[in-house]
PDB file of N, CA and C in Angstrom:
ATOM      1  N   MET A   1     -32.912  62.258  51.874  1.00  0.00           N
ATOM      2  CA  MET A   1     -31.526  62.454  51.518  1.00  0.00           C
ATOM      3  C   MET A   1     -31.366  62.156  50.037  1.00  0.00           C
ATOM      4  N   SER A   2     -30.648  62.995  49.321  1.00  0.00           N
ATOM      5  CA  SER A   2     -30.497  62.793  47.886  1.00  0.00           C
ATOM      6  C   SER A   2     -29.363  61.821  47.591  1.00  0.00           C
ATOM      7  N   ILE A   3     -29.379  61.288  46.391  1.00  0.00           N
ATOM      8  CA  ILE A   3     -28.306  60.388  45.954  1.00  0.00           C
ATOM      9  C   ILE A   3     -26.976  61.132  45.981  1.00  0.00           C
ATOM     10  N   ARG A   4     -26.990  62.401  45.618  1.00  0.00           N
ATOM     11  CA  ARG A   4     -25.757  63.189  45.604  1.00  0.00           C
ATOM     12  C   ARG A   4     -25.119  63.227  46.996  1.00  0.00           C
ATOM     13  N   ILE A   5     -25.906  63.391  48.034  1.00  0.00           N
ATOM     14  CA  ILE A   5     -25.370  63.416  49.388  1.00  0.00           C
ATOM     15  C   ILE A   5     -24.811  62.056  49.756  1.00  0.00           C
ATOM     16  N   VAL A   6     -25.474  60.993  49.337  1.00  0.00           N
ATOM     17  CA  VAL A   6     -24.972  59.651  49.611  1.00  0.00           C
ATOM     18  C   VAL A   6     -23.633  59.455  48.920  1.00  0.00           C
ATOM     19  N   PHE A   7     -23.486  59.919  47.668  1.00  0.00           N
ATOM     20  CA  PHE A   7     -22.200  59.832  46.976  1.00  0.00           C
ATOM     21  C   PHE A   7     -21.117  60.499  47.800  1.00  0.00           C
ATOM     22  N   LEU A   8     -21.408  61.698  48.286  1.00  0.00           N
ATOM     23  CA  LEU A   8     -20.426  62.446  49.053  1.00  0.00           C
ATOM     24  C   LEU A   8     -20.084  61.728  50.345  1.00  0.00           C
ATOM     25  N   THR A   9     -21.065  61.137  51.001  1.00  0.00           N
ATOM     26  CA  THR A   9     -20.824  60.382  52.228  1.00  0.00           C
ATOM     27  C   THR A   9     -19.916  59.197  51.949  1.00  0.00           C
ATOM     28  N   LEU A  10     -20.207  58.450  50.889  1.00  0.00           N
ATOM     29  CA  LEU A  10     -19.382  57.300  50.547  1.00  0.00           C
ATOM     30  C   LEU A  10     -17.974  57.724  50.188  1.00  0.00           C
ATOM     31  N   SER A  11     -17.826  58.777  49.435  1.00  0.00           N
ATOM     32  CA  SER A  11     -16.495  59.183  48.994  1.00  0.00           C
ATOM     33  C   SER A  11     -15.633  59.636  50.163  1.00  0.00           C
ATOM     34  N   THR A  12     -16.207  60.186  51.211  1.00  0.00           N
ATOM     35  CA  THR A  12     -15.409  60.601  52.360  1.00  0.00           C
ATOM     36  C   THR A  12     -14.943  59.412  53.176  1.00  0.00           C
ATOM     37  N   MET A  13     -15.622  58.268  53.050  1.00  0.00           N
ATOM     38  CA  MET A  13     -15.238  57.081  53.804  1.00  0.00           C
ATOM     39  C   MET A  13     -14.138  56.294  53.101  1.00  0.00           C
ATOM     40  N   LYS A  14     -13.940  56.508  51.840  1.00  0.00           N
ATOM     41  CA  LYS A  14     -13.004  55.696  51.080  1.00  0.00           C
ATOM     42  C   LYS A  14     -11.591  56.250  51.176  1.00  0.00           C
ATOM     43  N   LYS A  15     -10.603  55.370  51.165  1.00  0.00           N
ATOM     44  CA  LYS A  15      -9.216  55.810  51.189  1.00  0.00           C
ATOM     45  C   LYS A  15      -8.888  56.572  49.915  1.00  0.00           C
ATOM     46  N   LYS A  16      -9.357  56.061  48.801  1.00  0.00           N
ATOM     47  CA  LYS A  16      -9.134  56.729  47.534  1.00  0.00           C
ATOM     48  C   LYS A  16     -10.358  57.567  47.237  1.00  0.00           C
ATOM     49  N   SER A  17     -10.166  58.833  47.016  1.00  0.00           N
ATOM     50  CA  SER A  17     -11.291  59.731  46.775  1.00  0.00           C
ATOM     51  C   SER A  17     -11.942  59.422  45.432  1.00  0.00           C
ATOM     52  N   VAL A  18     -13.252  59.417  45.435  1.00  0.00           N
ATOM     53  CA  VAL A  18     -14.020  59.249  44.208  1.00  0.00           C
ATOM     54  C   VAL A  18     -14.503  60.632  43.824  1.00  0.00           C
ATOM     55  N   ALA A  19     -14.424  60.973  42.573  1.00  0.00           N
ATOM     56  CA  ALA A  19     -14.874  62.293  42.137  1.00  0.00           C
ATOM     57  C   ALA A  19     -16.388  62.321  42.125  1.00  0.00           C
ATOM     58  N   ALA A  20     -16.975  62.150  43.310  1.00  0.00           N
ATOM     59  CA  ALA A  20     -18.423  62.015  43.433  1.00  0.00           C
ATOM     60  C   ALA A  20     -19.152  63.278  43.027  1.00  0.00           C
ATOM     61  N   THR A  21     -18.551  64.406  43.270  1.00  0.00           N
ATOM     62  CA  THR A  21     -19.241  65.651  42.953  1.00  0.00           C
ATOM     63  C   THR A  21     -19.379  65.851  41.450  1.00  0.00           C
ATOM     64  N   LYS A  22     -18.578  65.157  40.666  1.00  0.00           N
ATOM     65  CA  LYS A  22     -18.637  65.298  39.219  1.00  0.00           C
ATOM     66  C   LYS A  22     -19.540  64.248  38.570  1.00  0.00           C
ATOM     67  N   ARG A  23     -19.954  63.270  39.341  1.00  0.00           N
ATOM     68  CA  ARG A  23     -20.757  62.184  38.794  1.00  0.00           C
ATOM     69  C   ARG A  23     -22.198  62.591  38.598  1.00  0.00           C
ATOM     70  N   GLN A  24     -22.825  61.940  37.659  1.00  0.00           N
ATOM     71  CA  GLN A  24     -24.254  62.132  37.446  1.00  0.00           C
ATOM     72  C   GLN A  24     -25.004  61.340  38.503  1.00  0.00           C
ATOM     73  N   LYS A  25     -26.285  61.616  38.683  1.00  0.00           N
ATOM     74  CA  LYS A  25     -27.103  60.881  39.646  1.00  0.00           C
ATOM     75  C   LYS A  25     -27.574  59.577  39.024  1.00  0.00           C
ATOM     76  N   MET A  26     -26.644  58.685  38.776  1.00  0.00           N
ATOM     77  CA  MET A  26     -26.968  57.410  38.147  1.00  0.00           C
ATOM     78  C   MET A  26     -26.702  56.282  39.125  1.00  0.00           C
ATOM     79  N   PRO A  27     -27.638  55.338  39.257  1.00  0.00           N
ATOM     80  CA  PRO A  27     -27.464  54.242  40.217  1.00  0.00           C
ATOM     81  C   PRO A  27     -26.176  53.462  40.024  1.00  0.00           C
ATOM     82  N   ASN A  28     -25.749  53.229  38.790  1.00  0.00           N
ATOM     83  CA  ASN A  28     -24.547  52.431  38.585  1.00  0.00           C
ATOM     84  C   ASN A  28     -23.340  53.080  39.247  1.00  0.00           C
ATOM     85  N   ASN A  29     -23.216  54.396  39.206  1.00  0.00           N
ATOM     86  CA  ASN A  29     -22.119  55.062  39.883  1.00  0.00           C
ATOM     87  C   ASN A  29     -22.228  54.881  41.393  1.00  0.00           C
ATOM     88  N   PHE A  30     -23.415  55.000  41.922  1.00  0.00           N
ATOM     89  CA  PHE A  30     -23.632  54.765  43.345  1.00  0.00           C
ATOM     90  C   PHE A  30     -23.282  53.323  43.692  1.00  0.00           C
ATOM     91  N   PHE A  31     -23.769  52.383  42.897  1.00  0.00           N
ATOM     92  CA  PHE A  31     -23.488  50.978  43.150  1.00  0.00           C
ATOM     93  C   PHE A  31     -21.980  50.733  43.131  1.00  0.00           C
ATOM     94  N   ASP A  32     -21.273  51.315  42.183  1.00  0.00           N
ATOM     95  CA  ASP A  32     -19.820  51.153  42.119  1.00  0.00           C
ATOM     96  C   ASP A  32     -19.153  51.665  43.393  1.00  0.00           C
ATOM     97  N   ASP A  33     -19.622  52.800  43.902  1.00  0.00           N
ATOM     98  CA  ASP A  33     -19.078  53.334  45.156  1.00  0.00           C
ATOM     99  C   ASP A  33     -19.331  52.370  46.310  1.00  0.00           C
ATOM    100  N   VAL A  34     -20.546  51.848  46.382  1.00  0.00           N
ATOM    101  CA  VAL A  34     -20.883  50.877  47.431  1.00  0.00           C
ATOM    102  C   VAL A  34     -19.997  49.647  47.298  1.00  0.00           C
ATOM    103  N   TYR A  35     -19.834  49.129  46.084  1.00  0.00           N
ATOM    104  CA  TYR A  35     -19.026  47.927  45.869  1.00  0.00           C
ATOM    105  C   TYR A  35     -17.574  48.145  46.297  1.00  0.00           C
ATOM    106  N   GLU A  36     -17.038  49.333  46.048  1.00  0.00           N
ATOM    107  CA  GLU A  36     -15.663  49.615  46.450  1.00  0.00           C
ATOM    108  C   GLU A  36     -15.510  49.554  47.965  1.00  0.00           C
ATOM    109  N   VAL A  37     -16.485  50.053  48.694  1.00  0.00           N
ATOM    110  CA  VAL A  37     -16.441  49.979  50.157  1.00  0.00           C
ATOM    111  C   VAL A  37     -16.604  48.535  50.607  1.00  0.00           C
ATOM    112  N   VAL A  38     -17.545  47.804  50.016  1.00  0.00           N
ATOM    113  CA  VAL A  38     -17.798  46.412  50.415  1.00  0.00           C
ATOM    114  C   VAL A  38     -16.574  45.540  50.157  1.00  0.00           C
ATOM    115  N   LYS A  39     -15.842  45.796  49.100  1.00  0.00           N
ATOM    116  CA  LYS A  39     -14.626  45.017  48.806  1.00  0.00           C
ATOM    117  C   LYS A  39     -13.566  45.191  49.892  1.00  0.00           C
ATOM    118  N   LEU A  40     -13.645  46.262  50.661  1.00  0.00           N
ATOM    119  CA  LEU A  40     -12.664  46.529  51.713  1.00  0.00           C
ATOM    120  C   LEU A  40     -12.985  45.839  53.033  1.00  0.00           C
ATOM    121  N   ILE A  41     -14.167  45.234  53.146  1.00  0.00           N
ATOM    122  CA  ILE A  41     -14.530  44.541  54.393  1.00  0.00           C
ATOM    123  C   ILE A  41     -13.634  43.311  54.527  1.00  0.00           C
ATOM    124  N   PRO A  42     -12.865  43.225  55.591  1.00  0.00           N
ATOM    125  CA  PRO A  42     -11.972  42.064  55.765  1.00  0.00           C
ATOM    126  C   PRO A  42     -12.746  40.762  55.960  1.00  0.00           C
ATOM    127  N   ARG A  43     -12.121  39.673  55.553  1.00  0.00           N
ATOM    128  CA  ARG A  43     -12.694  38.349  55.816  1.00  0.00           C
ATOM    129  C   ARG A  43     -12.896  38.210  57.317  1.00  0.00           C
ATOM    130  N   GLY A  44     -14.004  37.596  57.708  1.00  0.00           N
ATOM    131  CA  GLY A  44     -14.280  37.393  59.121  1.00  0.00           C
ATOM    132  C   GLY A  44     -14.887  38.600  59.806  1.00  0.00           C
ATOM    133  N   ARG A  45     -15.208  39.625  59.044  1.00  0.00           N
ATOM    134  CA  ARG A  45     -15.833  40.825  59.592  1.00  0.00           C
ATOM    135  C   ARG A  45     -17.105  41.103  58.805  1.00  0.00           C
ATOM    136  N   VAL A  46     -18.002  41.897  59.366  1.00  0.00           N
ATOM    137  CA  VAL A  46     -19.250  42.283  58.698  1.00  0.00           C
ATOM    138  C   VAL A  46     -19.489  43.766  58.933  1.00  0.00           C
ATOM    139  N   THR A  47     -20.325  44.356  58.104  1.00  0.00           N
ATOM    140  CA  THR A  47     -20.758  45.724  58.317  1.00  0.00           C
ATOM    141  C   THR A  47     -22.245  45.794  58.026  1.00  0.00           C
ATOM    142  N   THR A  48     -22.818  46.962  58.219  1.00  0.00           N
ATOM    143  CA  THR A  48     -24.255  47.111  58.009  1.00  0.00           C
ATOM    144  C   THR A  48     -24.525  48.002  56.803  1.00  0.00           C
ATOM    145  N   TYR A  49     -25.750  47.894  56.314  1.00  0.00           N
ATOM    146  CA  TYR A  49     -26.175  48.765  55.216  1.00  0.00           C
ATOM    147  C   TYR A  49     -26.004  50.219  55.629  1.00  0.00           C
ATOM    148  N   GLY A  50     -26.420  50.534  56.845  1.00  0.00           N
ATOM    149  CA  GLY A  50     -26.365  51.901  57.346  1.00  0.00           C
ATOM    150  C   GLY A  50     -24.951  52.425  57.508  1.00  0.00           C
ATOM    151  N   ALA A  51     -24.028  51.569  57.914  1.00  0.00           N
ATOM    152  CA  ALA A  51     -22.649  52.014  58.086  1.00  0.00           C
ATOM    153  C   ALA A  51     -22.012  52.387  56.752  1.00  0.00           C
ATOM    154  N   ILE A  52     -22.457  51.756  55.687  1.00  0.00           N
ATOM    155  CA  ILE A  52     -21.906  52.063  54.364  1.00  0.00           C
ATOM    156  C   ILE A  52     -22.479  53.363  53.821  1.00  0.00           C
ATOM    157  N   GLY A  53     -23.731  53.592  53.976  1.00  0.00           N
ATOM    158  CA  GLY A  53     -24.291  54.814  53.425  1.00  0.00           C
ATOM    159  C   GLY A  53     -25.791  54.892  53.477  1.00  0.00           C
ATOM    160  N   ARG A  54     -26.412  53.959  54.155  1.00  0.00           N
ATOM    161  CA  ARG A  54     -27.851  53.924  54.401  1.00  0.00           C
ATOM    162  C   ARG A  54     -28.706  53.696  53.174  1.00  0.00           C
ATOM    163  N   TYR A  55     -28.995  54.733  52.423  1.00  0.00           N
ATOM    164  CA  TYR A  55     -30.016  54.667  51.389  1.00  0.00           C
ATOM    165  C   TYR A  55     -29.545  53.933  50.146  1.00  0.00           C
ATOM    166  N   LEU A  56     -30.357  53.032  49.682  1.00  0.00           N
ATOM    167  CA  LEU A  56     -30.148  52.272  48.446  1.00  0.00           C
ATOM    168  C   LEU A  56     -29.034  51.243  48.521  1.00  0.00           C
ATOM    169  N   VAL A  57     -28.375  51.098  49.669  1.00  0.00           N
ATOM    170  CA  VAL A  57     -27.298  50.120  49.773  1.00  0.00           C
ATOM    171  C   VAL A  57     -27.841  48.711  49.607  1.00  0.00           C
ATOM    172  N   GLY A  58     -29.030  48.453  50.138  1.00  0.00           N
ATOM    173  CA  GLY A  58     -29.654  47.140  49.954  1.00  0.00           C
ATOM    174  C   GLY A  58     -29.878  46.825  48.484  1.00  0.00           C
ATOM    175  N   TRP A  59     -30.284  47.816  47.719  1.00  0.00           N
ATOM    176  CA  TRP A  59     -30.466  47.614  46.271  1.00  0.00           C
ATOM    177  C   TRP A  59     -29.134  47.269  45.619  1.00  0.00           C
ATOM    178  N   ALA A  60     -28.098  47.966  46.022  1.00  0.00           N
ATOM    179  CA  ALA A  60     -26.776  47.700  45.451  1.00  0.00           C
ATOM    180  C   ALA A  60     -26.326  46.283  45.789  1.00  0.00           C
ATOM    181  N   MET A  61     -26.573  45.845  47.023  1.00  0.00           N
ATOM    182  CA  MET A  61     -26.177  44.492  47.412  1.00  0.00           C
ATOM    183  C   MET A  61     -26.992  43.453  46.647  1.00  0.00           C
ATOM    184  N   ASN A  62     -28.260  43.717  46.455  1.00  0.00           N
ATOM    185  CA  ASN A  62     -29.096  42.802  45.686  1.00  0.00           C
ATOM    186  C   ASN A  62     -28.578  42.683  44.255  1.00  0.00           C
ATOM    187  N   ALA A  63     -28.158  43.792  43.688  1.00  0.00           N
ATOM    188  CA  ALA A  63     -27.630  43.788  42.314  1.00  0.00           C
ATOM    189  C   ALA A  63     -26.248  43.149  42.239  1.00  0.00           C
ATOM    190  N   ALA A  64     -25.557  43.019  43.375  1.00  0.00           N
ATOM    191  CA  ALA A  64     -24.193  42.483  43.389  1.00  0.00           C
ATOM    192  C   ALA A  64     -24.137  40.966  43.277  1.00  0.00           C
ATOM    193  N   HIS A  65     -25.236  40.286  43.514  1.00  0.00           N
ATOM    194  CA  HIS A  65     -25.214  38.826  43.466  1.00  0.00           C
ATOM    195  C   HIS A  65     -24.828  38.374  42.071  1.00  0.00           C
ATOM    196  N   GLY A  66     -23.834  37.519  42.046  1.00  0.00           N
ATOM    197  CA  GLY A  66     -23.319  37.057  40.774  1.00  0.00           C
ATOM    198  C   GLY A  66     -22.060  37.809  40.358  1.00  0.00           C
ATOM    199  N   LEU A  67     -21.753  38.910  41.039  1.00  0.00           N
ATOM    200  CA  LEU A  67     -20.514  39.641  40.785  1.00  0.00           C
ATOM    201  C   LEU A  67     -19.479  39.096  41.760  1.00  0.00           C
ATOM    202  N   LYS A  68     -18.628  38.217  41.301  1.00  0.00           N
ATOM    203  CA  LYS A  68     -17.712  37.467  42.164  1.00  0.00           C
ATOM    204  C   LYS A  68     -16.876  38.303  43.133  1.00  0.00           C
ATOM    205  N   PRO A  69     -16.300  39.429  42.721  1.00  0.00           N
ATOM    206  CA  PRO A  69     -15.433  40.109  43.689  1.00  0.00           C
ATOM    207  C   PRO A  69     -16.175  40.902  44.766  1.00  0.00           C
ATOM    208  N   ILE A  70     -17.507  40.892  44.752  1.00  0.00           N
ATOM    209  CA  ILE A  70     -18.270  41.662  45.732  1.00  0.00           C
ATOM    210  C   ILE A  70     -18.726  40.730  46.862  1.00  0.00           C
ATOM    211  N   PRO A  71     -18.155  40.860  48.077  1.00  0.00           N
ATOM    212  CA  PRO A  71     -18.545  39.985  49.187  1.00  0.00           C
ATOM    213  C   PRO A  71     -19.838  40.457  49.865  1.00  0.00           C
ATOM    214  N   ALA A  72     -20.938  40.398  49.147  1.00  0.00           N
ATOM    215  CA  ALA A  72     -22.231  40.887  49.639  1.00  0.00           C
ATOM    216  C   ALA A  72     -22.682  40.172  50.910  1.00  0.00           C
ATOM    217  N   HIS A  73     -22.198  38.961  51.137  1.00  0.00           N
ATOM    218  CA  HIS A  73     -22.582  38.219  52.342  1.00  0.00           C
ATOM    219  C   HIS A  73     -22.089  38.888  53.615  1.00  0.00           C
ATOM    220  N   ARG A  74     -21.149  39.818  53.510  1.00  0.00           N
ATOM    221  CA  ARG A  74     -20.600  40.496  54.680  1.00  0.00           C
ATOM    222  C   ARG A  74     -21.395  41.736  55.092  1.00  0.00           C
ATOM    223  N   VAL A  75     -22.492  42.005  54.403  1.00  0.00           N
ATOM    224  CA  VAL A  75     -23.311  43.173  54.734  1.00  0.00           C
ATOM    225  C   VAL A  75     -24.631  42.688  55.322  1.00  0.00           C
ATOM    226  N   VAL A  76     -24.898  43.085  56.557  1.00  0.00           N
ATOM    227  CA  VAL A  76     -26.086  42.645  57.289  1.00  0.00           C
ATOM    228  C   VAL A  76     -26.858  43.869  57.778  1.00  0.00           C
ATOM    229  N   ASN A  77     -28.000  43.648  58.413  1.00  0.00           N
ATOM    230  CA  ASN A  77     -28.742  44.813  58.919  1.00  0.00           C
ATOM    231  C   ASN A  77     -28.146  45.286  60.245  1.00  0.00           C
ATOM    232  N   SER A  78     -28.677  46.366  60.776  1.00  0.00           N
ATOM    233  CA  SER A  78     -28.092  47.002  61.960  1.00  0.00           C
ATOM    234  C   SER A  78     -28.165  46.150  63.226  1.00  0.00           C
ATOM    235  N   GLN A  79     -28.962  45.110  63.208  1.00  0.00           N
ATOM    236  CA  GLN A  79     -29.060  44.203  64.348  1.00  0.00           C
ATOM    237  C   GLN A  79     -28.162  42.976  64.191  1.00  0.00           C
ATOM    238  N   GLY A  80     -27.454  42.895  63.047  1.00  0.00           N
ATOM    239  CA  GLY A  80     -26.622  41.731  62.769  1.00  0.00           C
ATOM    240  C   GLY A  80     -27.397  40.590  62.146  1.00  0.00           C
ATOM    241  N   LEU A  81     -28.604  40.872  61.685  1.00  0.00           N
ATOM    242  CA  LEU A  81     -29.436  39.840  61.055  1.00  0.00           C
ATOM    243  C   LEU A  81     -29.098  39.678  59.581  1.00  0.00           C
ATOM    244  N   LEU A  82     -29.196  38.462  59.090  1.00  0.00           N
ATOM    245  CA  LEU A  82     -28.930  38.167  57.684  1.00  0.00           C
ATOM    246  C   LEU A  82     -30.167  38.503  56.853  1.00  0.00           C
ATOM    247  N   SER A  83     -30.508  39.758  56.829  1.00  0.00           N
ATOM    248  CA  SER A  83     -31.744  40.183  56.166  1.00  0.00           C
ATOM    249  C   SER A  83     -31.694  40.039  54.646  1.00  0.00           C
ATOM    250  N   GLY A  84     -30.509  39.930  54.067  1.00  0.00           N
ATOM    251  CA  GLY A  84     -30.398  39.779  52.616  1.00  0.00           C
ATOM    252  C   GLY A  84     -30.275  38.349  52.145  1.00  0.00           C
ATOM    253  N   LYS A  85     -30.439  37.384  53.039  1.00  0.00           N
ATOM    254  CA  LYS A  85     -30.191  35.981  52.689  1.00  0.00           C
ATOM    255  C   LYS A  85     -31.074  35.453  51.564  1.00  0.00           C
ATOM    256  N   ALA A  86     -32.265  36.004  51.408  1.00  0.00           N
ATOM    257  CA  ALA A  86     -33.182  35.522  50.380  1.00  0.00           C
ATOM    258  C   ALA A  86     -32.703  35.867  48.973  1.00  0.00           C
ATOM    259  N   HIS A  87     -31.736  36.758  48.859  1.00  0.00           N
ATOM    260  CA  HIS A  87     -31.265  37.190  47.552  1.00  0.00           C
ATOM    261  C   HIS A  87     -30.047  36.418  47.067  1.00  0.00           C
ATOM    262  N   PHE A  88     -29.626  35.406  47.832  1.00  0.00           N
ATOM    263  CA  PHE A  88     -28.510  34.567  47.414  1.00  0.00           C
ATOM    264  C   PHE A  88     -29.040  33.335  46.681  1.00  0.00           C
ATOM    265  N   GLU A  89     -28.123  32.519  46.166  1.00  0.00           N
ATOM    266  CA  GLU A  89     -28.505  31.334  45.398  1.00  0.00           C
ATOM    267  C   GLU A  89     -29.517  30.475  46.150  1.00  0.00           C
ATOM    268  N   THR A  90     -29.264  30.264  47.444  1.00  0.00           N
ATOM    269  CA  THR A  90     -30.197  29.552  48.324  1.00  0.00           C
ATOM    270  C   THR A  90     -30.296  30.368  49.612  1.00  0.00           C
ATOM    271  N   PRO A  91     -31.329  30.168  50.402  1.00  0.00           N
ATOM    272  CA  PRO A  91     -31.462  30.917  51.659  1.00  0.00           C
ATOM    273  C   PRO A  91     -30.328  30.667  52.663  1.00  0.00           C
ATOM    274  N   SER A  92     -29.597  29.575  52.511  1.00  0.00           N
ATOM    275  CA  SER A  92     -28.511  29.280  53.451  1.00  0.00           C
ATOM    276  C   SER A  92     -27.133  29.708  52.943  1.00  0.00           C
ATOM    277  N   THR A  93     -27.037  30.182  51.714  1.00  0.00           N
ATOM    278  CA  THR A  93     -25.741  30.549  51.133  1.00  0.00           C
ATOM    279  C   THR A  93     -25.031  31.639  51.922  1.00  0.00           C
ATOM    280  N   MET A  94     -25.743  32.670  52.311  1.00  0.00           N
ATOM    281  CA  MET A  94     -25.136  33.783  53.052  1.00  0.00           C
ATOM    282  C   MET A  94     -24.511  33.277  54.353  1.00  0.00           C
ATOM    283  N   GLN A  95     -25.273  32.493  55.103  1.00  0.00           N
ATOM    284  CA  GLN A  95     -24.767  31.955  56.365  1.00  0.00           C
ATOM    285  C   GLN A  95     -23.563  31.051  56.129  1.00  0.00           C
ATOM    286  N   LYS A  96     -23.608  30.194  55.128  1.00  0.00           N
ATOM    287  CA  LYS A  96     -22.491  29.287  54.844  1.00  0.00           C
ATOM    288  C   LYS A  96     -21.223  30.060  54.517  1.00  0.00           C
ATOM    289  N   ARG A  97     -21.345  31.142  53.732  1.00  0.00           N
ATOM    290  CA  ARG A  97     -20.169  31.950  53.391  1.00  0.00           C
ATOM    291  C   ARG A  97     -19.590  32.627  54.629  1.00  0.00           C
ATOM    292  N   LEU A  98     -20.454  33.138  55.499  1.00  0.00           N
ATOM    293  CA  LEU A  98     -19.976  33.769  56.727  1.00  0.00           C
ATOM    294  C   LEU A  98     -19.300  32.751  57.635  1.00  0.00           C
ATOM    295  N   GLU A  99     -19.899  31.586  57.786  1.00  0.00           N
ATOM    296  CA  GLU A  99     -19.327  30.539  58.641  1.00  0.00           C
ATOM    297  C   GLU A  99     -17.986  30.061  58.096  1.00  0.00           C
ATOM    298  N   LYS A 100     -17.837  30.042  56.785  1.00  0.00           N
ATOM    299  CA  LYS A 100     -16.561  29.656  56.161  1.00  0.00           C
ATOM    300  C   LYS A 100     -15.463  30.644  56.545  1.00  0.00           C
ATOM    301  N   GLU A 101     -15.844  31.890  56.866  1.00  0.00           N
ATOM    302  CA  GLU A 101     -14.893  32.915  57.287  1.00  0.00           C
ATOM    303  C   GLU A 101     -14.740  32.978  58.807  1.00  0.00           C
ATOM    304  N   GLY A 102     -15.351  32.030  59.510  1.00  0.00           N
ATOM    305  CA  GLY A 102     -15.208  31.969  60.958  1.00  0.00           C
ATOM    306  C   GLY A 102     -16.243  32.752  61.743  1.00  0.00           C
ATOM    307  N   ILE A 103     -17.273  33.230  61.086  1.00  0.00           N
ATOM    308  CA  ILE A 103     -18.329  33.986  61.762  1.00  0.00           C
ATOM    309  C   ILE A 103     -19.433  33.021  62.178  1.00  0.00           C
ATOM    310  N   LYS A 104     -19.778  33.048  63.457  1.00  0.00           N
ATOM    311  CA  LYS A 104     -20.837  32.175  63.967  1.00  0.00           C
ATOM    312  C   LYS A 104     -22.186  32.842  63.775  1.00  0.00           C
ATOM    313  N   VAL A 105     -23.139  32.056  63.270  1.00  0.00           N
ATOM    314  CA  VAL A 105     -24.496  32.549  63.012  1.00  0.00           C
ATOM    315  C   VAL A 105     -25.484  31.596  63.667  1.00  0.00           C
ATOM    316  N   ALA A 106     -26.463  32.150  64.369  1.00  0.00           N
ATOM    317  CA  ALA A 106     -27.532  31.346  64.957  1.00  0.00           C
ATOM    318  C   ALA A 106     -28.846  32.090  64.760  1.00  0.00           C
ATOM    319  N   ASN A 107     -29.838  31.371  64.282  1.00  0.00           N
ATOM    320  CA  ASN A 107     -31.159  31.976  64.032  1.00  0.00           C
ATOM    321  C   ASN A 107     -31.051  33.223  63.144  1.00  0.00           C
ATOM    322  N   ASP A 108     -30.233  33.092  62.098  1.00  0.00           N
ATOM    323  CA  ASP A 108     -30.036  34.173  61.117  1.00  0.00           C
ATOM    324  C   ASP A 108     -29.424  35.433  61.701  1.00  0.00           C
ATOM    325  N   LYS A 109     -28.661  35.321  62.792  1.00  0.00           N
ATOM    326  CA  LYS A 109     -28.044  36.481  63.424  1.00  0.00           C
ATOM    327  C   LYS A 109     -26.570  36.206  63.722  1.00  0.00           C
ATOM    328  N   ILE A 110     -25.721  37.214  63.492  1.00  0.00           N
ATOM    329  CA  ILE A 110     -24.301  37.119  63.814  1.00  0.00           C
ATOM    330  C   ILE A 110     -24.180  37.032  65.336  1.00  0.00           C
ATOM    331  N   MET A 111     -23.500  35.991  65.830  1.00  0.00           N
ATOM    332  CA  MET A 111     -23.434  35.755  67.270  1.00  0.00           C
ATOM    333  C   MET A 111     -22.624  36.812  68.021  1.00  0.00           C
ATOM    334  N   ASP A 112     -21.464  37.155  67.552  1.00  0.00           N
ATOM    335  CA  ASP A 112     -20.620  38.137  68.230  1.00  0.00           C
ATOM    336  C   ASP A 112     -20.532  39.400  67.362  1.00  0.00           C
ATOM    337  N   PHE A 113     -21.709  39.937  67.072  1.00  0.00           N
ATOM    338  CA  PHE A 113     -21.830  41.038  66.121  1.00  0.00           C
ATOM    339  C   PHE A 113     -20.951  42.238  66.482  1.00  0.00           C
ATOM    340  N   GLU A 114     -20.932  42.638  67.742  1.00  0.00           N
ATOM    341  CA  GLU A 114     -20.144  43.804  68.145  1.00  0.00           C
ATOM    342  C   GLU A 114     -18.661  43.588  67.871  1.00  0.00           C
ATOM    343  N   LYS A 115     -18.188  42.383  68.102  1.00  0.00           N
ATOM    344  CA  LYS A 115     -16.781  42.048  67.862  1.00  0.00           C
ATOM    345  C   LYS A 115     -16.475  41.991  66.369  1.00  0.00           C
ATOM    346  N   ARG A 116     -17.400  41.508  65.581  1.00  0.00           N
ATOM    347  CA  ARG A 116     -17.208  41.318  64.137  1.00  0.00           C
ATOM    348  C   ARG A 116     -17.525  42.557  63.308  1.00  0.00           C
ATOM    349  N   PHE A 117     -18.189  43.538  63.922  1.00  0.00           N
ATOM    350  CA  PHE A 117     -18.625  44.716  63.176  1.00  0.00           C
ATOM    351  C   PHE A 117     -17.432  45.513  62.663  1.00  0.00           C
ATOM    352  N   TRP A 118     -17.461  45.822  61.382  1.00  0.00           N
ATOM    353  CA  TRP A 118     -16.439  46.624  60.713  1.00  0.00           C
ATOM    354  C   TRP A 118     -17.085  47.947  60.337  1.00  0.00           C
ATOM    355  N   ASP A 119     -16.616  49.046  60.930  1.00  0.00           N
ATOM    356  CA  ASP A 119     -17.209  50.361  60.703  1.00  0.00           C
ATOM    357  C   ASP A 119     -16.365  51.122  59.695  1.00  0.00           C
ATOM    358  N   PRO A 120     -16.852  51.247  58.448  1.00  0.00           N
ATOM    359  CA  PRO A 120     -16.043  51.904  57.422  1.00  0.00           C
ATOM    360  C   PRO A 120     -15.715  53.361  57.753  1.00  0.00           C
ATOM    361  N   SER A 121     -16.578  54.060  58.467  1.00  0.00           N
ATOM    362  CA  SER A 121     -16.278  55.455  58.789  1.00  0.00           C
ATOM    363  C   SER A 121     -15.096  55.567  59.755  1.00  0.00           C
ATOM    364  N   ARG A 122     -14.867  54.534  60.545  1.00  0.00           N
ATOM    365  CA  ARG A 122     -13.730  54.521  61.465  1.00  0.00           C
ATOM    366  C   ARG A 122     -12.520  53.831  60.836  1.00  0.00           C
ATOM    367  N   GLU A 123     -12.751  52.696  60.196  1.00  0.00           N
ATOM    368  CA  GLU A 123     -11.668  51.897  59.643  1.00  0.00           C
ATOM    369  C   GLU A 123     -10.977  52.557  58.434  1.00  0.00           C
ATOM    370  N   LEU A 124     -11.731  53.362  57.696  1.00  0.00           N
ATOM    371  CA  LEU A 124     -11.186  53.985  56.494  1.00  0.00           C
ATOM    372  C   LEU A 124     -10.853  55.465  56.678  1.00  0.00           C
ATOM    373  N   ALA A 125     -10.929  55.926  57.909  1.00  0.00           N
ATOM    374  CA  ALA A 125     -10.680  57.364  58.172  1.00  0.00           C
ATOM    375  C   ALA A 125      -9.218  57.722  57.961  1.00  0.00           C
TER     376      ALA A 125
END
């Protein structure tokens, strides 16, 4: 799948349309699109890399660390595992941030993942 298709997929999920078809194939534009979707994840909810747009979303989340308005801790893998925890300040930071929002985590997994899952393709339609 090309970056251009991912741009188009992300732009259809967003409430505000992004002129994705006019953008160059540059990672920063893709990352910005991903960040806009991630900012919409409500507190106490999580989504997956795949639900946002699959390809390169993990890279975007890794690059988001240190960007305060990006709640990267709310993005987990498709099984509800905290697969990105190693990219935070400490390995326990991701879990602590989720627990602060009322999300229960055990053995690096969201306990009530189905209940907490936020699907941008449905929520932003």
